[in-house]
Amino acid sequence: MGQRKSSVSPVRGADQAMRDQEVLRANKELAAYFKGRRTEREARAALKIIKAFVRDRERRDAGSRPPLPGAQVVKPVKEVRSQRRPRRKPREKSPERTIPEQAQLSESGDHTTE
């Protein structure tokens, strides 16, 4: 077998854009094969393109990888603080409630009704 390059060659912007388009096209070709619109031979060729792209992407550092082709770049959302006061914590309920005197009298049965 042949010897492979150990380092990743830098990819220029134009080459990267062309490769992204090629990967998107290969992805569509593969999807068309599963829908019955392409032959197995065309699907294998598309799969080779996709696998080469994935291999090249795996060799790069995670921080320097460009976004996947076709994926929208999502910028992190800055946390927006409102000008309102912060919410207060709810009060803790006391474990024992005071019972009104009339309720205590009716429960004990001390008074009689005629």
Protein backbone atom coordinates (compact mmCIF):
# COMPACT_ATOMS: atom_id res chain seq x y z
CA MET A 1 0.00 0.00 0.00
CA GLY A 2 1.07 3.58 -0.55
CA GLN A 3 2.35 5.91 2.06
CA ARG A 4 -0.08 8.56 3.27
CA LYS A 5 0.64 12.14 4.17
CA SER A 6 1.02 12.61 7.90
CA SER A 7 0.19 16.31 7.96
CA VAL A 8 -2.95 18.05 6.85
CA SER A 9 -2.43 20.29 3.85
CA PRO A 10 -3.91 23.77 4.17
CA VAL A 11 -7.01 24.30 2.06
CA ARG A 12 -7.54 27.64 0.36
CA GLY A 13 -10.87 29.43 0.50
CA ALA A 14 -11.79 28.77 -3.15
CA ASP A 15 -10.85 25.11 -2.86
CA GLN A 16 -12.83 24.78 0.36
CA ALA A 17 -15.91 26.34 -1.23
CA MET A 18 -15.64 24.00 -4.23
CA ARG A 19 -15.22 20.99 -1.94
CA ASP A 20 -18.23 22.05 0.13
CA GLN A 21 -20.34 22.20 -3.02
CA GLU A 22 -19.04 18.79 -4.08
CA VAL A 23 -19.96 17.28 -0.70
CA LEU A 24 -23.46 18.79 -0.87
CA ARG A 25 -23.93 17.38 -4.37
CA ALA A 26 -22.69 13.95 -3.23
CA ASN A 27 -25.10 14.05 -0.31
CA LYS A 28 -28.00 14.75 -2.69
CA GLU A 29 -26.84 11.93 -4.97
CA LEU A 30 -26.82 9.50 -2.07
CA ALA A 31 -30.30 10.62 -0.99
CA ALA A 32 -31.50 10.14 -4.57
CA TYR A 33 -30.13 6.58 -4.55
CA PHE A 34 -32.20 5.73 -1.48
CA LYS A 35 -35.27 7.16 -3.21
CA GLY A 36 -34.57 4.89 -6.20
CA ARG A 37 -33.48 7.65 -8.59
CA ARG A 38 -29.76 6.75 -8.87
CA THR A 39 -27.82 3.58 -9.51
CA GLU A 40 -25.68 1.82 -6.94
CA ARG A 41 -22.58 2.80 -8.88
CA GLU A 42 -23.44 6.51 -8.59
CA ALA A 43 -24.16 6.07 -4.89
CA ARG A 44 -20.78 4.41 -4.29
CA ALA A 45 -19.01 7.31 -6.02
CA ALA A 46 -20.92 9.81 -3.87
CA LEU A 47 -20.11 7.85 -0.74
CA LYS A 48 -16.38 7.96 -1.56
CA ILE A 49 -16.53 11.76 -1.77
CA ILE A 50 -18.35 11.99 1.55
CA LYS A 51 -15.97 9.57 3.29
CA ALA A 52 -12.91 11.49 2.03
CA PHE A 53 -14.41 14.71 3.38
CA VAL A 54 -15.07 13.11 6.78
CA ARG A 55 -11.54 11.64 6.95
CA ASP A 56 -10.01 15.03 6.17
CA ARG A 57 -12.24 16.70 8.73
CA GLU A 58 -11.29 14.19 11.44
CA ARG A 59 -7.61 14.97 10.98
CA ARG A 60 -8.11 18.64 11.81
CA ASP A 61 -8.21 20.08 15.28
CA ALA A 62 -11.72 20.57 16.59
CA GLY A 63 -11.17 24.29 17.00
CA SER A 64 -9.94 24.86 13.45
CA ARG A 65 -12.63 22.87 11.67
CA PRO A 66 -14.85 24.90 9.38
CA PRO A 67 -18.62 24.44 9.75
CA LEU A 68 -20.23 21.56 7.89
CA PRO A 69 -21.32 22.37 4.36
CA GLY A 70 -24.98 23.31 4.17
CA ALA A 71 -25.20 23.93 7.89
CA GLN A 72 -26.08 27.46 8.92
CA VAL A 73 -23.54 29.14 11.15
CA VAL A 74 -25.19 29.94 14.46
CA LYS A 75 -23.62 32.71 16.48
CA PRO A 76 -23.77 32.39 20.25
CA VAL A 77 -26.54 34.54 21.69
CA LYS A 78 -25.45 37.14 24.17
CA GLU A 79 -27.31 37.05 27.44
CA VAL A 80 -29.62 40.04 27.60
CA ARG A 81 -30.43 41.29 31.05
CA SER A 82 -33.64 43.16 31.55
CA GLN A 83 -33.81 46.40 33.49
CA ARG A 84 -36.47 45.00 35.84
CA ARG A 85 -35.85 44.16 39.45
CA PRO A 86 -34.93 40.56 40.16
CA ARG A 87 -37.72 38.36 41.43
CA ARG A 88 -38.03 37.90 45.15
CA LYS A 89 -37.94 34.49 46.66
CA PRO A 90 -41.35 33.27 47.85
CA ARG A 91 -41.94 33.39 51.58
CA GLU A 92 -41.57 30.25 53.56
CA LYS A 93 -44.82 29.13 55.16
CA SER A 94 -44.75 28.62 58.89
CA PRO A 95 -45.39 25.00 59.91
CA GLU A 96 -48.07 25.90 62.47
CA ARG A 97 -50.91 28.26 61.73
CA THR A 98 -52.84 30.04 64.41
CA ILE A 99 -56.45 28.94 64.55
CA PRO A 100 -59.05 31.65 65.25
CA GLU A 101 -60.71 31.45 68.65
CA GLN A 102 -64.22 30.80 67.30
CA ALA A 103 -63.00 27.80 65.33
CA GLN A 104 -61.32 26.41 68.43
CA LEU A 105 -64.50 26.82 70.46
CA SER A 106 -66.68 25.05 67.90
CA GLU A 107 -64.26 22.13 67.65
CA SER A 108 -63.99 21.61 71.41
CA GLY A 109 -67.75 21.61 71.95
CA ASP A 110 -67.62 23.84 75.03
CA HIS A 111 -70.51 26.02 74.07
CA THR A 112 -74.03 24.78 73.53
CA THR A 113 -76.47 25.88 70.90
CA GLU A 114 -80.23 25.96 71.50
